[in-house]
Amino acid sequence: MTDGIGRTVALVGATGDLGGRIAAALARRGVEVRAPIRIGTPAARQDALRAAGATPLPVDFDDAAALTRALAGAACVVSALNGLAPIMLDLQGRVLDAAVAAGVPRFIPSDFSLDFTHTRPGDNRNMDLRRAFMARVDAAPIRMTSILNGAFADLLTGEAPIILHKFRRVLYWGDANQAFDFTTKDDVADYAADAALDPEAPRFLRIAGDEVSPRELSALMTRLDSRPWKPLHAGGIGRLSGVIRIARALSPKSDAPFPAWQGMQYLRDMSSGRGKLFPLDNERYGKTDWTRAEDILAATV
């Protein structure tokens, strides 16, 4: 891996949450961060990019020539785009085509997720989008690296009903001993910055800040809370699939990338073990300060 001094990385999706963290991680490594953004992006977002150390470049993403010029000279294009097919396939596809046209040697698609290469087609809409884009990138004449990180660790403290503080229970489906992969966005960004500077990065890199099962989470919460916590079995994977079908049928049509039923699809891939990451590449760049589940949950008790 190079030290990145004098190198340029183009980062698409830099105004998003993960994208902004990747921009800052690259800037800390002395990298010139070029951030193509949509024309008309609010000034406050552009100022935030500059504060993170990136240079915003307003560009018409429908103008192939303009987008190609914006990416020219970069050592790697990193995508942190997030959305449904118009974003993950169409827009990201235009970025890929422009990177190839510009002669950029490497591309990191926005695959930050569980291991969609082992999930079942049709089970998870967002994983299906990544699978469809994978077929496209693997046919392109550019070196690809996908970074898979399991679930973002804010799932432990966010809206997903896993840690039930009111009842001191850890809700789970299937097997209480099935390990889940959790990685904080800051750790993902830190690792992605190193991968962007690694000309020998492999096709897939798999990382997890922590691997912890529902049973282990209940033991952890017992230790942190000094009160007994227990796993709460909600049913098998088949029952979860039934709940997903009902939730999807009752949900209004939405272009949101994460409606409630989509989060359930993600949880099903974790609970079934199909999305489990193995082997892990945590040590490839010498990173040792991974944030553990205990670090995140300690602030909740």
C-alpha atoms as a PDB file:
ATOM      1  CA  MET A   1       0.000   0.000   0.000  1.00  0.00           C
ATOM      2  CA  THR A   2       1.207   3.498  -0.798  1.00  0.00           C
ATOM      3  CA  ASP A   3       1.137   6.271   1.760  1.00  0.00           C
ATOM      4  CA  GLY A   4      -1.216   8.290  -0.427  1.00  0.00           C
ATOM      5  CA  ILE A   5       0.946  11.427  -0.524  1.00  0.00           C
ATOM      6  CA  GLY A   6       0.333  13.216  -3.809  1.00  0.00           C
ATOM      7  CA  ARG A   7      -2.439  10.784  -4.749  1.00  0.00           C
ATOM      8  CA  THR A   8      -5.937  11.736  -5.846  1.00  0.00           C
ATOM      9  CA  VAL A   9      -9.118   9.824  -5.021  1.00  0.00           C
ATOM     10  CA  ALA A  10     -12.493  10.720  -6.535  1.00  0.00           C
ATOM     11  CA  LEU A  11     -15.336  10.170  -4.089  1.00  0.00           C
ATOM     12  CA  VAL A  12     -18.927  10.068  -5.341  1.00  0.00           C
ATOM     13  CA  GLY A  13     -21.659  10.329  -2.721  1.00  0.00           C
ATOM     14  CA  ALA A  14     -19.451  12.413  -0.473  1.00  0.00           C
ATOM     15  CA  THR A  15     -22.362  14.509   0.830  1.00  0.00           C
ATOM     16  CA  GLY A  16     -23.913  11.456   2.489  1.00  0.00           C
ATOM     17  CA  ASP A  17     -23.210  10.236   6.003  1.00  0.00           C
ATOM     18  CA  LEU A  18     -20.747   7.486   5.094  1.00  0.00           C
ATOM     19  CA  GLY A  19     -19.327   9.471   2.188  1.00  0.00           C
ATOM     20  CA  GLY A  20     -18.459  12.401   4.426  1.00  0.00           C
ATOM     21  CA  ARG A  21     -16.645  10.094   6.830  1.00  0.00           C
ATOM     22  CA  ILE A  22     -14.679   8.514   3.968  1.00  0.00           C
ATOM     23  CA  ALA A  23     -13.726  11.986   2.709  1.00  0.00           C
ATOM     24  CA  ALA A  24     -12.375  12.929   6.130  1.00  0.00           C
ATOM     25  CA  ALA A  25     -10.492   9.619   6.484  1.00  0.00           C
ATOM     26  CA  LEU A  26      -8.824  10.122   3.098  1.00  0.00           C
ATOM     27  CA  ALA A  27      -7.926  13.715   3.910  1.00  0.00           C
ATOM     28  CA  ARG A  28      -6.278  12.601   7.157  1.00  0.00           C
ATOM     29  CA  ARG A  29      -3.989  10.449   5.021  1.00  0.00           C
ATOM     30  CA  GLY A  30      -2.841  13.418   2.991  1.00  0.00           C
ATOM     31  CA  VAL A  31      -4.886  12.456  -0.056  1.00  0.00           C
ATOM     32  CA  GLU A  32      -6.342  14.945  -2.508  1.00  0.00           C
ATOM     33  CA  VAL A  33     -10.068  14.163  -2.315  1.00  0.00           C
ATOM     34  CA  ARG A  34     -12.065  15.177  -5.365  1.00  0.00           C
ATOM     35  CA  ALA A  35     -15.831  15.078  -4.726  1.00  0.00           C
ATOM     36  CA  PRO A  36     -18.065  15.255  -7.810  1.00  0.00           C
ATOM     37  CA  ILE A  37     -21.477  16.505  -6.664  1.00  0.00           C
ATOM     38  CA  ARG A  38     -24.723  17.376  -8.366  1.00  0.00           C
ATOM     39  CA  ILE A  39     -25.070  20.882  -9.767  1.00  0.00           C
ATOM     40  CA  GLY A  40     -27.196  22.834  -7.310  1.00  0.00           C
ATOM     41  CA  THR A  41     -25.948  21.038  -4.208  1.00  0.00           C
ATOM     42  CA  PRO A  42     -26.610  23.441  -1.298  1.00  0.00           C
ATOM     43  CA  ALA A  43     -23.692  25.633  -0.261  1.00  0.00           C
ATOM     44  CA  ALA A  44     -23.836  24.275   3.303  1.00  0.00           C
ATOM     45  CA  ARG A  45     -23.129  20.760   2.049  1.00  0.00           C
ATOM     46  CA  GLN A  46     -20.272  21.995  -0.090  1.00  0.00           C
ATOM     47  CA  ASP A  47     -18.833  23.839   2.908  1.00  0.00           C
ATOM     48  CA  ALA A  48     -19.079  20.638   4.960  1.00  0.00           C
ATOM     49  CA  LEU A  49     -17.074  18.818   2.294  1.00  0.00           C
ATOM     50  CA  ARG A  50     -14.383  21.491   2.321  1.00  0.00           C
ATOM     51  CA  ALA A  51     -14.260  21.287   6.120  1.00  0.00           C
ATOM     52  CA  ALA A  52     -13.711  17.524   5.812  1.00  0.00           C
ATOM     53  CA  GLY A  53     -10.795  18.151   3.456  1.00  0.00           C
ATOM     54  CA  ALA A  54     -12.479  17.428   0.120  1.00  0.00           C
ATOM     55  CA  THR A  55     -12.865  19.609  -2.963  1.00  0.00           C
ATOM     56  CA  PRO A  56     -16.474  19.715  -4.223  1.00  0.00           C
ATOM     57  CA  LEU A  57     -16.814  19.588  -8.021  1.00  0.00           C
ATOM     58  CA  PRO A  58     -20.337  20.395  -9.255  1.00  0.00           C
ATOM     59  CA  VAL A  59     -20.991  18.289 -12.350  1.00  0.00           C
ATOM     60  CA  ASP A  60     -23.902  17.183 -14.524  1.00  0.00           C
ATOM     61  CA  PHE A  61     -23.989  13.413 -13.946  1.00  0.00           C
ATOM     62  CA  ASP A  62     -25.985  13.011 -17.154  1.00  0.00           C
ATOM     63  CA  ASP A  63     -23.124  14.559 -19.138  1.00  0.00           C
ATOM     64  CA  ALA A  64     -20.743  11.649 -19.762  1.00  0.00           C
ATOM     65  CA  ALA A  65     -17.926  13.881 -21.012  1.00  0.00           C
ATOM     66  CA  ALA A  66     -18.148  16.242 -18.038  1.00  0.00           C
ATOM     67  CA  LEU A  67     -18.225  13.356 -15.585  1.00  0.00           C
ATOM     68  CA  THR A  68     -15.236  11.749 -17.290  1.00  0.00           C
ATOM     69  CA  ARG A  69     -13.275  14.988 -16.949  1.00  0.00           C
ATOM     70  CA  ALA A  70     -14.173  15.181 -13.250  1.00  0.00           C
ATOM     71  CA  LEU A  71     -12.734  11.707 -12.643  1.00  0.00           C
ATOM     72  CA  ALA A  72      -9.661  11.981 -14.868  1.00  0.00           C
ATOM     73  CA  GLY A  73      -6.354  11.660 -13.027  1.00  0.00           C
ATOM     74  CA  ALA A  74      -7.769   9.861  -9.995  1.00  0.00           C
ATOM     75  CA  ALA A  75      -5.969   6.758  -8.730  1.00  0.00           C
ATOM     76  CA  CYS A  76      -9.278   5.317  -7.523  1.00  0.00           C
ATOM     77  CA  VAL A  77     -12.970   6.156  -7.677  1.00  0.00           C
ATOM     78  CA  VAL A  78     -14.898   5.384  -4.483  1.00  0.00           C
ATOM     79  CA  SER A  79     -18.693   5.287  -4.571  1.00  0.00           C
ATOM     80  CA  ALA A  80     -20.675   5.941  -1.412  1.00  0.00           C
ATOM     81  CA  LEU A  81     -23.972   6.374  -3.240  1.00  0.00           C
ATOM     82  CA  ASN A  82     -27.091   5.061  -1.553  1.00  0.00           C
ATOM     83  CA  GLY A  83     -30.567   4.460  -2.912  1.00  0.00           C
ATOM     84  CA  LEU A  84     -32.596   2.211  -5.152  1.00  0.00           C
ATOM     85  CA  ALA A  85     -32.104   1.169  -8.779  1.00  0.00           C
ATOM     86  CA  PRO A  86     -31.980   4.712 -10.254  1.00  0.00           C
ATOM     87  CA  ILE A  87     -29.031   5.432  -7.947  1.00  0.00           C
ATOM     88  CA  MET A  88     -27.333   2.078  -7.399  1.00  0.00           C
ATOM     89  CA  LEU A  89     -27.609   0.861 -10.993  1.00  0.00           C
ATOM     90  CA  ASP A  90     -28.185   3.851 -13.272  1.00  0.00           C
ATOM     91  CA  LEU A  91     -26.237   6.676 -11.610  1.00  0.00           C
ATOM     92  CA  GLN A  92     -23.493   4.443 -10.245  1.00  0.00           C
ATOM     93  CA  GLY A  93     -23.306   2.810 -13.669  1.00  0.00           C
ATOM     94  CA  ARG A  94     -22.672   6.184 -15.284  1.00  0.00           C
ATOM     95  CA  VAL A  95     -19.912   6.815 -12.763  1.00  0.00           C
ATOM     96  CA  LEU A  96     -18.383   3.439 -13.589  1.00  0.00           C
ATOM     97  CA  ASP A  97     -18.489   4.151 -17.324  1.00  0.00           C
ATOM     98  CA  ALA A  98     -16.888   7.551 -16.784  1.00  0.00           C
ATOM     99  CA  ALA A  99     -14.146   6.038 -14.620  1.00  0.00           C
ATOM    100  CA  VAL A 100     -13.318   3.557 -17.388  1.00  0.00           C
ATOM    101  CA  ALA A 101     -13.377   6.300 -20.022  1.00  0.00           C
ATOM    102  CA  ALA A 102     -11.097   8.443 -17.862  1.00  0.00           C
ATOM    103  CA  GLY A 103      -8.580   5.616 -17.486  1.00  0.00           C
ATOM    104  CA  VAL A 104      -8.961   5.411 -13.708  1.00  0.00           C
ATOM    105  CA  PRO A 105      -7.262   2.146 -12.641  1.00  0.00           C
ATOM    106  CA  ARG A 106      -9.488   1.227  -9.680  1.00  0.00           C
ATOM    107  CA  PHE A 107     -13.110   1.434  -8.554  1.00  0.00           C
ATOM    108  CA  ILE A 108     -14.718   0.750  -5.161  1.00  0.00           C
ATOM    109  CA  PRO A 109     -18.508   0.390  -5.582  1.00  0.00           C
ATOM    110  CA  SER A 110     -21.006   1.190  -2.864  1.00  0.00           C
ATOM    111  CA  ASP A 111     -21.316  -2.395  -1.649  1.00  0.00           C
ATOM    112  CA  PHE A 112     -20.921  -1.618   2.062  1.00  0.00           C
ATOM    113  CA  SER A 113     -23.178  -4.345   3.463  1.00  0.00           C
ATOM    114  CA  LEU A 114     -23.369  -7.958   4.577  1.00  0.00           C
ATOM    115  CA  ASP A 115     -22.086 -10.677   2.256  1.00  0.00           C
ATOM    116  CA  PHE A 116     -24.601 -10.397  -0.596  1.00  0.00           C
ATOM    117  CA  THR A 117     -22.576 -12.907  -2.626  1.00  0.00           C
ATOM    118  CA  HIS A 118     -23.999 -15.662  -0.391  1.00  0.00           C
ATOM    119  CA  THR A 119     -27.571 -14.419   0.054  1.00  0.00           C
ATOM    120  CA  ARG A 120     -30.486 -15.788  -1.968  1.00  0.00           C
ATOM    121  CA  PRO A 121     -31.759 -13.763  -4.946  1.00  0.00           C
ATOM    122  CA  GLY A 122     -35.158 -12.306  -4.142  1.00  0.00           C
ATOM    123  CA  ASP A 123     -34.693 -12.374  -0.370  1.00  0.00           C
ATOM    124  CA  ASN A 124     -33.318  -8.848   0.005  1.00  0.00           C
ATOM    125  CA  ARG A 125     -34.069  -6.030  -2.418  1.00  0.00           C
ATOM    126  CA  ASN A 126     -30.975  -3.983  -1.599  1.00  0.00           C
ATOM    127  CA  MET A 127     -28.696  -7.016  -1.859  1.00  0.00           C
ATOM    128  CA  ASP A 128     -30.252  -7.850  -5.227  1.00  0.00           C
ATOM    129  CA  LEU A 129     -29.286  -4.381  -6.452  1.00  0.00           C
ATOM    130  CA  ARG A 130     -25.689  -4.961  -5.394  1.00  0.00           C
ATOM    131  CA  ARG A 131     -25.705  -8.370  -7.038  1.00  0.00           C
ATOM    132  CA  ALA A 132     -26.961  -6.836 -10.281  1.00  0.00           C
ATOM    133  CA  PHE A 133     -24.283  -4.148 -10.205  1.00  0.00           C
ATOM    134  CA  MET A 134     -21.616  -6.749  -9.423  1.00  0.00           C
ATOM    135  CA  ALA A 135     -22.324  -8.435 -12.770  1.00  0.00           C
ATOM    136  CA  ARG A 136     -21.758  -5.099 -14.472  1.00  0.00           C
ATOM    137  CA  VAL A 137     -18.560  -4.121 -12.674  1.00  0.00           C
ATOM    138  CA  ASP A 138     -17.015  -7.551 -13.128  1.00  0.00           C
ATOM    139  CA  ALA A 139     -17.401  -7.131 -16.884  1.00  0.00           C
ATOM    140  CA  ALA A 140     -15.748  -3.690 -16.886  1.00  0.00           C
ATOM    141  CA  PRO A 141     -12.048  -3.205 -17.715  1.00  0.00           C
ATOM    142  CA  ILE A 142     -11.142  -1.735 -14.339  1.00  0.00           C
ATOM    143  CA  ARG A 143      -9.880  -3.254 -11.063  1.00  0.00           C
ATOM    144  CA  MET A 144     -12.702  -3.628  -8.552  1.00  0.00           C
ATOM    145  CA  THR A 145     -12.736  -3.916  -4.774  1.00  0.00           C
ATOM    146  CA  SER A 146     -15.937  -4.350  -2.774  1.00  0.00           C
ATOM    147  CA  ILE A 147     -15.820  -3.742   0.971  1.00  0.00           C
ATOM    148  CA  LEU A 148     -18.321  -5.809   2.961  1.00  0.00           C
ATOM    149  CA  ASN A 149     -18.841  -4.809   6.595  1.00  0.00           C
ATOM    150  CA  GLY A 150     -21.975  -6.561   7.829  1.00  0.00           C
ATOM    151  CA  ALA A 151     -24.473  -4.228   9.486  1.00  0.00           C
ATOM    152  CA  PHE A 152     -23.601  -0.709  10.497  1.00  0.00           C
ATOM    153  CA  ALA A 153     -23.249  -0.742  14.264  1.00  0.00           C
ATOM    154  CA  ASP A 154     -25.874   1.968  14.798  1.00  0.00           C
ATOM    155  CA  LEU A 155     -28.371  -0.882  14.278  1.00  0.00           C
ATOM    156  CA  LEU A 156     -27.607  -1.790  17.895  1.00  0.00           C
ATOM    157  CA  THR A 157     -28.914   1.518  19.202  1.00  0.00           C
ATOM    158  CA  GLY A 158     -31.198   2.675  16.385  1.00  0.00           C
ATOM    159  CA  GLU A 159     -34.718   1.874  15.303  1.00  0.00           C
ATOM    160  CA  ALA A 160     -34.285  -1.862  14.742  1.00  0.00           C
ATOM    161  CA  PRO A 161     -35.977  -3.690  17.660  1.00  0.00           C
ATOM    162  CA  ILE A 162     -33.078  -5.887  18.760  1.00  0.00           C
ATOM    163  CA  ILE A 163     -32.030  -4.392  22.112  1.00  0.00           C
ATOM    164  CA  LEU A 164     -35.269  -4.006  24.108  1.00  0.00           C
ATOM    165  CA  HIS A 165     -34.310  -1.852  27.088  1.00  0.00           C
ATOM    166  CA  LYS A 166     -37.824  -1.672  28.541  1.00  0.00           C
ATOM    167  CA  PHE A 167     -37.985  -5.445  28.883  1.00  0.00           C
ATOM    168  CA  ARG A 168     -34.247  -6.168  29.258  1.00  0.00           C
ATOM    169  CA  ARG A 169     -34.407  -8.574  26.363  1.00  0.00           C
ATOM    170  CA  VAL A 170     -32.431  -9.156  23.159  1.00  0.00           C
ATOM    171  CA  LEU A 171     -34.878 -10.061  20.412  1.00  0.00           C
ATOM    172  CA  TYR A 172     -33.774 -12.670  17.896  1.00  0.00           C
ATOM    173  CA  TRP A 173     -35.091 -14.949  15.162  1.00  0.00           C
ATOM    174  CA  GLY A 174     -33.752 -18.419  14.505  1.00  0.00           C
ATOM    175  CA  ASP A 175     -30.641 -19.401  16.466  1.00  0.00           C
ATOM    176  CA  ALA A 176     -29.558 -17.404  19.531  1.00  0.00           C
ATOM    177  CA  ASN A 177     -25.958 -18.434  18.848  1.00  0.00           C
ATOM    178  CA  GLN A 178     -25.823 -17.098  15.282  1.00  0.00           C
ATOM    179  CA  ALA A 179     -23.094 -14.444  15.200  1.00  0.00           C
ATOM    180  CA  PHE A 180     -23.853 -11.061  13.616  1.00  0.00           C
ATOM    181  CA  ASP A 181     -21.269  -8.729  12.049  1.00  0.00           C
ATOM    182  CA  PHE A 182     -21.340  -5.101  13.205  1.00  0.00           C
ATOM    183  CA  THR A 183     -19.013  -2.290  12.082  1.00  0.00           C
ATOM    184  CA  THR A 184     -19.254   1.418  12.865  1.00  0.00           C
ATOM    185  CA  LYS A 185     -19.382   3.871   9.975  1.00  0.00           C
ATOM    186  CA  ASP A 186     -16.166   5.495  11.190  1.00  0.00           C
ATOM    187  CA  ASP A 187     -14.360   2.153  11.120  1.00  0.00           C
ATOM    188  CA  VAL A 188     -15.745   1.411   7.641  1.00  0.00           C
ATOM    189  CA  ALA A 189     -14.591   4.820   6.421  1.00  0.00           C
ATOM    190  CA  ASP A 190     -11.159   4.376   7.946  1.00  0.00           C
ATOM    191  CA  TYR A 191     -10.713   0.996   6.292  1.00  0.00           C
ATOM    192  CA  ALA A 192     -12.145   2.176   2.967  1.00  0.00           C
ATOM    193  CA  ALA A 193      -9.591   4.996   2.871  1.00  0.00           C
ATOM    194  CA  ASP A 194      -6.769   2.466   3.247  1.00  0.00           C
ATOM    195  CA  ALA A 195      -8.294   0.232   0.584  1.00  0.00           C
ATOM    196  CA  ALA A 196      -8.587   3.161  -1.830  1.00  0.00           C
ATOM    197  CA  LEU A 197      -4.801   3.621  -1.562  1.00  0.00           C
ATOM    198  CA  ASP A 198      -4.002  -0.058  -2.033  1.00  0.00           C
ATOM    199  CA  PRO A 199      -3.320  -0.867  -5.712  1.00  0.00           C
ATOM    200  CA  GLU A 200      -3.227  -4.581  -4.833  1.00  0.00           C
ATOM    201  CA  ALA A 201      -6.550  -4.683  -3.000  1.00  0.00           C
ATOM    202  CA  PRO A 202      -8.451  -7.897  -3.858  1.00  0.00           C
ATOM    203  CA  ARG A 203     -11.920  -8.131  -5.380  1.00  0.00           C
ATOM    204  CA  PHE A 204     -13.546  -8.468  -1.946  1.00  0.00           C
ATOM    205  CA  LEU A 205     -12.515  -7.256   1.491  1.00  0.00           C
ATOM    206  CA  ARG A 206     -14.579  -8.432   4.456  1.00  0.00           C
ATOM    207  CA  ILE A 207     -14.432  -6.638   7.808  1.00  0.00           C
ATOM    208  CA  ALA A 208     -16.328  -6.668  11.105  1.00  0.00           C
ATOM    209  CA  GLY A 209     -15.725  -4.394  14.056  1.00  0.00           C
ATOM    210  CA  ASP A 210     -17.316  -7.086  16.205  1.00  0.00           C
ATOM    211  CA  GLU A 211     -18.945 -10.498  15.827  1.00  0.00           C
ATOM    212  CA  VAL A 212     -21.585 -11.113  18.451  1.00  0.00           C
ATOM    213  CA  SER A 213     -24.638 -13.372  18.782  1.00  0.00           C
ATOM    214  CA  PRO A 214     -27.973 -12.543  20.471  1.00  0.00           C
ATOM    215  CA  ARG A 215     -26.974 -14.770  23.385  1.00  0.00           C
ATOM    216  CA  GLU A 216     -23.673 -12.929  23.718  1.00  0.00           C
ATOM    217  CA  LEU A 217     -25.469  -9.591  23.470  1.00  0.00           C
ATOM    218  CA  SER A 218     -27.742 -10.528  26.372  1.00  0.00           C
ATOM    219  CA  ALA A 219     -24.722 -11.500  28.473  1.00  0.00           C
ATOM    220  CA  LEU A 220     -23.020  -8.252  27.525  1.00  0.00           C
ATOM    221  CA  MET A 221     -26.068  -6.176  28.484  1.00  0.00           C
ATOM    222  CA  THR A 222     -26.302  -8.050  31.804  1.00  0.00           C
ATOM    223  CA  ARG A 223     -22.720  -7.106  32.558  1.00  0.00           C
ATOM    224  CA  LEU A 224     -23.178  -3.475  31.531  1.00  0.00           C
ATOM    225  CA  ASP A 225     -26.560  -2.987  33.181  1.00  0.00           C
ATOM    226  CA  SER A 226     -25.916  -5.004  36.374  1.00  0.00           C
ATOM    227  CA  ARG A 227     -29.399  -6.459  35.899  1.00  0.00           C
ATOM    228  CA  PRO A 228     -30.277  -9.737  34.187  1.00  0.00           C
ATOM    229  CA  TRP A 229     -30.953  -9.651  30.458  1.00  0.00           C
ATOM    230  CA  LYS A 230     -32.205 -12.615  28.434  1.00  0.00           C
ATOM    231  CA  PRO A 231     -32.546 -13.545  24.770  1.00  0.00           C
ATOM    232  CA  LEU A 232     -36.146 -13.376  23.519  1.00  0.00           C
ATOM    233  CA  HIS A 233     -36.995 -15.826  20.740  1.00  0.00           C
ATOM    234  CA  ALA A 234     -39.461 -14.240  18.285  1.00  0.00           C
ATOM    235  CA  GLY A 235     -39.676 -17.319  16.063  1.00  0.00           C
ATOM    236  CA  GLY A 236     -37.849 -19.115  13.317  1.00  0.00           C
ATOM    237  CA  ILE A 237     -36.590 -17.714  10.018  1.00  0.00           C
ATOM    238  CA  GLY A 238     -39.774 -18.920   8.316  1.00  0.00           C
ATOM    239  CA  ARG A 239     -41.910 -16.858  10.683  1.00  0.00           C
ATOM    240  CA  LEU A 240     -39.724 -13.814  10.060  1.00  0.00           C
ATOM    241  CA  SER A 241     -40.241 -14.312   6.320  1.00  0.00           C
ATOM    242  CA  GLY A 242     -43.987 -14.316   6.903  1.00  0.00           C
ATOM    243  CA  VAL A 243     -43.781 -11.078   8.887  1.00  0.00           C
ATOM    244  CA  ILE A 244     -41.761  -9.518   6.063  1.00  0.00           C
ATOM    245  CA  ARG A 245     -44.394 -10.470   3.480  1.00  0.00           C
ATOM    246  CA  ILE A 246     -47.156  -8.931   5.574  1.00  0.00           C
ATOM    247  CA  ALA A 247     -45.182  -5.771   6.331  1.00  0.00           C
ATOM    248  CA  ARG A 248     -44.318  -5.304   2.667  1.00  0.00           C
ATOM    249  CA  ALA A 249     -47.922  -5.834   1.554  1.00  0.00           C
ATOM    250  CA  LEU A 250     -49.189  -3.267   4.076  1.00  0.00           C
ATOM    251  CA  SER A 251     -46.484  -0.670   3.391  1.00  0.00           C
ATOM    252  CA  PRO A 252     -47.215   2.235   1.067  1.00  0.00           C
ATOM    253  CA  LYS A 253     -45.114   2.407  -2.072  1.00  0.00           C
ATOM    254  CA  SER A 254     -41.928   4.269  -1.250  1.00  0.00           C
ATOM    255  CA  ASP A 255     -38.638   5.120  -2.883  1.00  0.00           C
ATOM    256  CA  ALA A 256     -36.914   5.071   0.515  1.00  0.00           C
ATOM    257  CA  PRO A 257     -33.932   2.687   0.546  1.00  0.00           C
ATOM    258  CA  PHE A 258     -34.771   1.378   4.027  1.00  0.00           C
ATOM    259  CA  PRO A 259     -38.484   0.990   4.771  1.00  0.00           C
ATOM    260  CA  ALA A 260     -39.258  -1.193   7.792  1.00  0.00           C
ATOM    261  CA  TRP A 261     -39.629  -4.384   5.744  1.00  0.00           C
ATOM    262  CA  GLN A 262     -36.237  -3.822   4.119  1.00  0.00           C
ATOM    263  CA  GLY A 263     -34.637  -3.696   7.556  1.00  0.00           C
ATOM    264  CA  MET A 264     -36.379  -6.995   8.302  1.00  0.00           C
ATOM    265  CA  GLN A 265     -34.925  -8.502   5.111  1.00  0.00           C
ATOM    266  CA  TYR A 266     -31.488  -7.431   6.278  1.00  0.00           C
ATOM    267  CA  LEU A 267     -32.097  -8.958   9.706  1.00  0.00           C
ATOM    268  CA  ARG A 268     -33.230 -12.207   8.071  1.00  0.00           C
ATOM    269  CA  ASP A 269     -29.976 -12.475   6.100  1.00  0.00           C
ATOM    270  CA  MET A 270     -28.053 -11.924   9.336  1.00  0.00           C
ATOM    271  CA  SER A 271     -30.176 -14.320  11.411  1.00  0.00           C
ATOM    272  CA  SER A 272     -30.021 -17.100   8.822  1.00  0.00           C
ATOM    273  CA  GLY A 273     -26.227 -16.825   8.635  1.00  0.00           C
ATOM    274  CA  ARG A 274     -26.304 -16.426   4.855  1.00  0.00           C
ATOM    275  CA  GLY A 275     -24.890 -12.903   5.066  1.00  0.00           C
ATOM    276  CA  LYS A 276     -22.137 -13.794   7.565  1.00  0.00           C
ATOM    277  CA  LEU A 277     -18.683 -12.550   6.589  1.00  0.00           C
ATOM    278  CA  PHE A 278     -15.850 -15.059   6.390  1.00  0.00           C
ATOM    279  CA  PRO A 279     -12.914 -14.904   6.350  1.00  0.00           C
ATOM    280  CA  LEU A 280     -12.297 -11.431   7.740  1.00  0.00           C
ATOM    281  CA  ASP A 281      -9.649  -9.063   6.398  1.00  0.00           C
ATOM    282  CA  ASN A 282      -9.507  -6.812   9.473  1.00  0.00           C
ATOM    283  CA  GLU A 283      -5.728  -7.019   9.753  1.00  0.00           C
ATOM    284  CA  ARG A 284      -4.825  -6.195   6.138  1.00  0.00           C
ATOM    285  CA  TYR A 285      -3.966  -2.547   6.855  1.00  0.00           C
ATOM    286  CA  GLY A 286      -2.852  -2.872  10.459  1.00  0.00           C
ATOM    287  CA  LYS A 287      -5.982  -1.344  11.954  1.00  0.00           C
ATOM    288  CA  THR A 288      -6.393  -2.410  15.593  1.00  0.00           C
ATOM    289  CA  ASP A 289      -8.780   0.181  17.078  1.00  0.00           C
ATOM    290  CA  TRP A 290     -12.022  -1.485  15.983  1.00  0.00           C
ATOM    291  CA  THR A 291     -15.104  -0.337  17.900  1.00  0.00           C
ATOM    292  CA  ARG A 292     -16.695  -3.266  19.736  1.00  0.00           C
ATOM    293  CA  ALA A 293     -20.365  -3.807  20.550  1.00  0.00           C
ATOM    294  CA  GLU A 294     -19.565  -3.183  24.221  1.00  0.00           C
ATOM    295  CA  ASP A 295     -18.210   0.291  23.386  1.00  0.00           C
ATOM    296  CA  ILE A 296     -21.467   1.182  21.638  1.00  0.00           C
ATOM    297  CA  LEU A 297     -23.896  -0.312  24.128  1.00  0.00           C
ATOM    298  CA  ALA A 298     -22.141   1.011  27.225  1.00  0.00           C
ATOM    299  CA  ALA A 299     -23.575   4.448  26.476  1.00  0.00           C
ATOM    300  CA  THR A 300     -27.153   3.094  26.476  1.00  0.00           C
ATOM    301  CA  VAL A 301     -27.334   1.882  30.084  1.00  0.00           C
END
